[in-house]
Amino acid sequence: MFMKKLSWGGLALLGVVFAAPQSKADEMLWVYTRGADTLPQGEVELKLGSVTRIGKNSGDYKFVDFRPEVEIGVTNRLTLSGALLVFNHNYSVNDPELQPMFDTQGGAGG
């Protein structure tokens, strides 16, 4: 009776939850530094990082970067890693004293 009420989506979700390997959360020290620890042979790790910077003294400023990274344990003493940096950087400057930024990015809609 219980199985008849459970939808296929619910079964798929349960299958993913129970079949997924153990996942761990970690943090990068000071955002951009790298550690020296290696992964065991055959292990794979995915890291997703995102940093947003908003506001400056003049005008508008917004910088967002997103960093997906994959690490693969080749041997117990060797780990290979690959990362991609995707970012969006938008700003405008209202202070004419801030040259050359004001000439190129100044004013409304700069």
N, C-alpha and C. Protein backbone atom coordinates (compact mmCIF):
# COMPACT_ATOMS: atom_id res chain seq x y z
N MET A 1 0.82 -1.19 0.00
CA MET A 1 0.00 0.00 0.00
C MET A 1 0.87 1.25 0.00
N PHE A 2 1.92 1.25 0.83
CA PHE A 2 2.81 2.42 0.92
C PHE A 2 3.49 2.68 -0.42
N MET A 3 3.95 1.60 -1.09
CA MET A 3 4.66 1.75 -2.36
C MET A 3 3.76 2.29 -3.46
N LYS A 4 2.47 2.01 -3.41
CA LYS A 4 1.56 2.53 -4.42
C LYS A 4 1.42 4.04 -4.30
N LYS A 5 1.52 4.56 -3.08
CA LYS A 5 1.35 6.00 -2.86
C LYS A 5 2.63 6.78 -3.17
N LEU A 6 3.76 6.12 -3.14
CA LEU A 6 5.03 6.78 -3.37
C LEU A 6 5.24 7.00 -4.87
N SER A 7 5.51 8.22 -5.27
CA SER A 7 5.66 8.53 -6.69
C SER A 7 7.03 8.07 -7.20
N TRP A 8 7.17 8.02 -8.52
CA TRP A 8 8.44 7.65 -9.14
C TRP A 8 9.53 8.66 -8.77
N GLY A 9 9.17 9.94 -8.69
CA GLY A 9 10.14 10.96 -8.29
C GLY A 9 10.65 10.72 -6.89
N GLY A 10 9.75 10.35 -5.99
CA GLY A 10 10.14 10.05 -4.62
C GLY A 10 11.07 8.85 -4.55
N LEU A 11 10.78 7.83 -5.35
CA LEU A 11 11.65 6.66 -5.40
C LEU A 11 13.04 7.02 -5.93
N ALA A 12 13.07 7.86 -6.96
CA ALA A 12 14.35 8.28 -7.52
C ALA A 12 15.15 9.07 -6.49
N LEU A 13 14.49 9.96 -5.75
CA LEU A 13 15.17 10.74 -4.73
C LEU A 13 15.73 9.84 -3.63
N LEU A 14 14.94 8.89 -3.18
CA LEU A 14 15.43 7.95 -2.18
C LEU A 14 16.61 7.14 -2.69
N GLY A 15 16.56 6.74 -3.96
CA GLY A 15 17.66 5.99 -4.54
C GLY A 15 18.94 6.81 -4.57
N VAL A 16 18.84 8.08 -4.93
CA VAL A 16 20.02 8.94 -4.98
C VAL A 16 20.58 9.15 -3.58
N VAL A 17 19.71 9.39 -2.61
CA VAL A 17 20.17 9.65 -1.24
C VAL A 17 20.89 8.44 -0.67
N PHE A 18 20.35 7.26 -0.87
CA PHE A 18 20.96 6.07 -0.28
C PHE A 18 22.12 5.52 -1.09
N ALA A 19 22.21 5.83 -2.38
CA ALA A 19 23.29 5.33 -3.22
C ALA A 19 24.48 6.29 -3.28
N ALA A 20 24.28 7.54 -2.86
CA ALA A 20 25.34 8.54 -2.95
C ALA A 20 26.46 8.23 -1.96
N PRO A 21 27.70 8.44 -2.38
CA PRO A 21 28.81 8.25 -1.44
C PRO A 21 28.81 9.36 -0.39
N GLN A 22 29.55 9.12 0.65
CA GLN A 22 29.64 10.12 1.72
C GLN A 22 30.22 11.41 1.15
N SER A 23 29.59 12.54 1.46
CA SER A 23 30.12 13.82 1.01
C SER A 23 30.58 14.62 2.22
N LYS A 24 31.59 15.44 2.00
CA LYS A 24 32.16 16.23 3.08
C LYS A 24 32.22 17.70 2.65
N ALA A 25 32.03 18.58 3.58
CA ALA A 25 32.15 20.01 3.30
C ALA A 25 33.47 20.49 3.89
N ASP A 26 34.12 21.36 3.17
CA ASP A 26 35.39 21.91 3.62
C ASP A 26 35.42 23.37 3.21
N GLU A 27 36.36 24.11 3.73
CA GLU A 27 36.48 25.51 3.36
C GLU A 27 37.91 25.81 2.97
N MET A 28 38.06 26.74 2.03
CA MET A 28 39.40 27.14 1.63
C MET A 28 39.86 28.23 2.59
N LEU A 29 41.06 28.08 3.09
CA LEU A 29 41.63 29.05 4.00
C LEU A 29 41.96 30.33 3.24
N TRP A 30 41.43 31.45 3.67
CA TRP A 30 41.66 32.77 3.05
C TRP A 30 41.26 32.79 1.59
N VAL A 31 40.25 32.10 1.19
CA VAL A 31 39.59 32.08 -0.11
C VAL A 31 40.45 31.48 -1.23
N TYR A 32 41.67 31.96 -1.45
CA TYR A 32 42.43 31.56 -2.63
C TYR A 32 43.63 30.66 -2.35
N THR A 33 43.95 30.36 -1.11
CA THR A 33 45.14 29.56 -0.82
C THR A 33 44.88 28.09 -1.12
N ARG A 34 45.94 27.35 -1.32
CA ARG A 34 45.87 25.93 -1.60
C ARG A 34 46.50 25.14 -0.47
N GLY A 35 45.95 23.99 -0.20
CA GLY A 35 46.51 23.12 0.83
C GLY A 35 47.44 22.10 0.21
N ALA A 36 48.17 21.37 1.05
CA ALA A 36 49.12 20.37 0.58
C ALA A 36 48.60 18.95 0.77
N ASP A 37 47.39 18.78 1.27
CA ASP A 37 46.87 17.43 1.50
C ASP A 37 46.43 16.80 0.19
N THR A 38 46.58 15.46 0.09
CA THR A 38 46.24 14.73 -1.12
C THR A 38 45.02 13.86 -0.87
N LEU A 39 44.38 13.46 -1.96
CA LEU A 39 43.25 12.53 -1.88
C LEU A 39 43.76 11.11 -2.02
N PRO A 40 43.07 10.15 -1.42
CA PRO A 40 43.44 8.75 -1.64
C PRO A 40 43.26 8.36 -3.11
N GLN A 41 43.96 7.35 -3.55
CA GLN A 41 43.88 6.91 -4.94
C GLN A 41 42.45 6.56 -5.32
N GLY A 42 42.00 7.09 -6.47
CA GLY A 42 40.67 6.80 -6.98
C GLY A 42 39.58 7.71 -6.45
N GLU A 43 39.86 8.56 -5.47
CA GLU A 43 38.85 9.47 -4.92
C GLU A 43 38.70 10.70 -5.81
N VAL A 44 37.50 11.24 -5.86
CA VAL A 44 37.21 12.45 -6.63
C VAL A 44 36.50 13.44 -5.71
N GLU A 45 36.88 14.69 -5.81
CA GLU A 45 36.28 15.72 -4.97
C GLU A 45 35.89 16.91 -5.85
N LEU A 46 34.70 17.45 -5.60
CA LEU A 46 34.21 18.63 -6.31
C LEU A 46 34.06 19.76 -5.31
N LYS A 47 34.64 20.90 -5.62
CA LYS A 47 34.52 22.08 -4.77
C LYS A 47 33.85 23.19 -5.56
N LEU A 48 32.91 23.87 -4.94
CA LEU A 48 32.26 25.01 -5.55
C LEU A 48 32.45 26.21 -4.63
N GLY A 49 33.01 27.27 -5.14
CA GLY A 49 33.23 28.47 -4.34
C GLY A 49 32.65 29.68 -5.03
N SER A 50 32.13 30.60 -4.25
CA SER A 50 31.58 31.83 -4.80
C SER A 50 31.90 32.98 -3.85
N VAL A 51 32.39 34.09 -4.41
CA VAL A 51 32.71 35.26 -3.62
C VAL A 51 32.05 36.47 -4.28
N THR A 52 31.39 37.31 -3.47
CA THR A 52 30.76 38.53 -3.97
C THR A 52 31.32 39.72 -3.22
N ARG A 53 31.71 40.75 -3.98
CA ARG A 53 32.19 42.00 -3.38
C ARG A 53 31.28 43.11 -3.88
N ILE A 54 30.71 43.87 -2.94
CA ILE A 54 29.75 44.92 -3.30
C ILE A 54 30.15 46.22 -2.62
N GLY A 55 30.11 47.34 -3.36
CA GLY A 55 30.27 48.67 -2.79
C GLY A 55 31.70 49.18 -2.77
N LYS A 56 31.86 50.43 -3.10
CA LYS A 56 33.12 51.17 -3.01
C LYS A 56 32.76 52.59 -2.58
N ASN A 57 33.77 53.46 -2.49
CA ASN A 57 33.54 54.83 -2.02
C ASN A 57 32.87 55.73 -3.05
N SER A 58 32.95 55.39 -4.33
CA SER A 58 32.39 56.25 -5.36
C SER A 58 31.68 55.40 -6.41
N GLY A 59 30.44 55.73 -6.71
CA GLY A 59 29.70 55.02 -7.75
C GLY A 59 29.20 53.68 -7.29
N ASP A 60 29.05 52.79 -8.27
CA ASP A 60 28.54 51.44 -8.02
C ASP A 60 29.65 50.43 -8.29
N TYR A 61 29.67 49.37 -7.49
CA TYR A 61 30.69 48.34 -7.65
C TYR A 61 30.11 47.00 -7.28
N LYS A 62 30.30 46.03 -8.17
CA LYS A 62 29.88 44.65 -7.88
C LYS A 62 30.81 43.70 -8.62
N PHE A 63 31.40 42.77 -7.87
CA PHE A 63 32.28 41.75 -8.44
C PHE A 63 31.85 40.40 -7.87
N VAL A 64 31.49 39.48 -8.75
CA VAL A 64 31.07 38.14 -8.33
C VAL A 64 31.94 37.13 -9.06
N ASP A 65 32.56 36.22 -8.33
CA ASP A 65 33.26 35.13 -9.01
C ASP A 65 32.77 33.78 -8.49
N PHE A 66 32.76 32.83 -9.40
CA PHE A 66 32.29 31.48 -9.13
C PHE A 66 33.40 30.54 -9.57
N ARG A 67 33.83 29.62 -8.68
CA ARG A 67 34.96 28.74 -8.95
C ARG A 67 34.61 27.27 -8.75
N PRO A 68 34.24 26.56 -9.80
CA PRO A 68 34.12 25.11 -9.68
C PRO A 68 35.51 24.47 -9.83
N GLU A 69 35.79 23.44 -9.02
CA GLU A 69 37.09 22.76 -9.06
C GLU A 69 36.87 21.27 -8.86
N VAL A 70 37.62 20.47 -9.61
CA VAL A 70 37.58 19.01 -9.48
C VAL A 70 38.97 18.54 -9.11
N GLU A 71 39.06 17.66 -8.10
CA GLU A 71 40.33 17.05 -7.70
C GLU A 71 40.19 15.53 -7.84
N ILE A 72 41.24 14.90 -8.35
CA ILE A 72 41.24 13.45 -8.55
C ILE A 72 42.50 12.88 -7.92
N GLY A 73 42.35 11.87 -7.06
CA GLY A 73 43.49 11.19 -6.45
C GLY A 73 44.07 10.18 -7.41
N VAL A 74 45.20 10.48 -8.04
CA VAL A 74 45.84 9.57 -9.00
C VAL A 74 46.52 8.44 -8.24
N THR A 75 47.33 8.79 -7.25
CA THR A 75 47.90 7.82 -6.32
C THR A 75 47.65 8.37 -4.92
N ASN A 76 48.08 7.66 -3.91
CA ASN A 76 47.91 8.17 -2.55
C ASN A 76 48.78 9.39 -2.27
N ARG A 77 49.77 9.63 -3.14
CA ARG A 77 50.67 10.77 -2.94
C ARG A 77 50.56 11.82 -4.03
N LEU A 78 49.67 11.62 -5.03
CA LEU A 78 49.54 12.56 -6.14
C LEU A 78 48.07 12.86 -6.40
N THR A 79 47.71 14.12 -6.37
CA THR A 79 46.35 14.56 -6.67
C THR A 79 46.41 15.58 -7.79
N LEU A 80 45.58 15.38 -8.82
CA LEU A 80 45.46 16.35 -9.90
C LEU A 80 44.21 17.18 -9.69
N SER A 81 44.28 18.44 -10.08
CA SER A 81 43.17 19.33 -9.86
C SER A 81 43.00 20.26 -11.05
N GLY A 82 41.76 20.59 -11.35
CA GLY A 82 41.46 21.55 -12.41
C GLY A 82 40.35 22.48 -11.92
N ALA A 83 40.52 23.77 -12.19
CA ALA A 83 39.53 24.75 -11.73
C ALA A 83 39.20 25.70 -12.87
N LEU A 84 38.04 26.30 -12.77
CA LEU A 84 37.57 27.27 -13.75
C LEU A 84 37.12 28.51 -12.98
N LEU A 85 37.50 29.68 -13.45
CA LEU A 85 37.08 30.94 -12.83
C LEU A 85 36.11 31.64 -13.76
N VAL A 86 34.90 31.85 -13.28
CA VAL A 86 33.87 32.57 -14.03
C VAL A 86 33.52 33.79 -13.20
N PHE A 87 33.61 35.00 -13.79
CA PHE A 87 33.33 36.18 -12.99
C PHE A 87 32.54 37.23 -13.75
N ASN A 88 31.90 38.10 -13.00
CA ASN A 88 31.14 39.23 -13.52
C ASN A 88 31.60 40.46 -12.74
N HIS A 89 32.13 41.46 -13.43
CA HIS A 89 32.70 42.64 -12.78
C HIS A 89 32.04 43.88 -13.39
N ASN A 90 31.21 44.56 -12.61
CA ASN A 90 30.51 45.77 -13.07
C ASN A 90 30.79 46.91 -12.11
N TYR A 91 31.14 48.08 -12.65
CA TYR A 91 31.34 49.23 -11.79
C TYR A 91 31.18 50.52 -12.57
N SER A 92 30.88 51.59 -11.86
CA SER A 92 30.86 52.94 -12.41
C SER A 92 31.45 53.85 -11.35
N VAL A 93 32.04 54.97 -11.79
CA VAL A 93 32.73 55.90 -10.90
C VAL A 93 32.08 57.27 -11.03
N ASN A 94 31.73 57.87 -9.89
CA ASN A 94 31.09 59.19 -9.90
C ASN A 94 32.05 60.33 -9.58
N ASP A 95 33.21 60.05 -9.06
CA ASP A 95 34.16 61.08 -8.63
C ASP A 95 35.12 61.41 -9.78
N PRO A 96 35.08 62.67 -10.35
CA PRO A 96 35.95 63.01 -11.47
C PRO A 96 37.44 63.03 -11.10
N GLU A 97 37.76 63.02 -9.81
CA GLU A 97 39.16 63.00 -9.37
C GLU A 97 39.81 61.62 -9.58
N LEU A 98 38.99 60.59 -9.74
CA LEU A 98 39.52 59.23 -9.90
C LEU A 98 39.76 58.95 -11.39
N GLN A 99 40.95 59.36 -11.86
CA GLN A 99 41.30 59.18 -13.27
C GLN A 99 42.23 57.99 -13.41
N PRO A 100 42.22 57.25 -14.47
CA PRO A 100 41.43 57.36 -15.69
C PRO A 100 40.09 56.66 -15.61
N MET A 101 39.74 56.13 -14.43
CA MET A 101 38.50 55.36 -14.32
C MET A 101 37.26 56.21 -14.62
N PHE A 102 37.27 57.49 -14.20
CA PHE A 102 36.08 58.33 -14.42
C PHE A 102 35.83 58.54 -15.91
N ASP A 103 36.90 58.75 -16.70
CA ASP A 103 36.74 58.96 -18.14
C ASP A 103 36.17 57.75 -18.84
N THR A 104 36.53 56.55 -18.38
CA THR A 104 36.09 55.34 -19.07
C THR A 104 34.83 54.72 -18.46
N GLN A 105 34.60 54.92 -17.16
CA GLN A 105 33.47 54.28 -16.49
C GLN A 105 32.60 55.26 -15.74
N GLY A 106 32.80 56.55 -15.92
CA GLY A 106 32.11 57.53 -15.09
C GLY A 106 30.68 57.81 -15.48
N GLY A 107 29.99 58.43 -14.53
CA GLY A 107 28.63 58.90 -14.76
C GLY A 107 27.59 57.81 -14.79
N ALA A 108 26.36 58.25 -15.00
CA ALA A 108 25.23 57.30 -15.04
C ALA A 108 25.38 56.37 -16.23
N GLY A 109 25.26 55.10 -15.97
CA GLY A 109 25.35 54.10 -17.04
C GLY A 109 26.75 53.95 -17.61
N GLY A 110 27.78 54.32 -16.83
CA GLY A 110 29.15 54.26 -17.32
C GLY A 110 29.64 52.85 -17.53
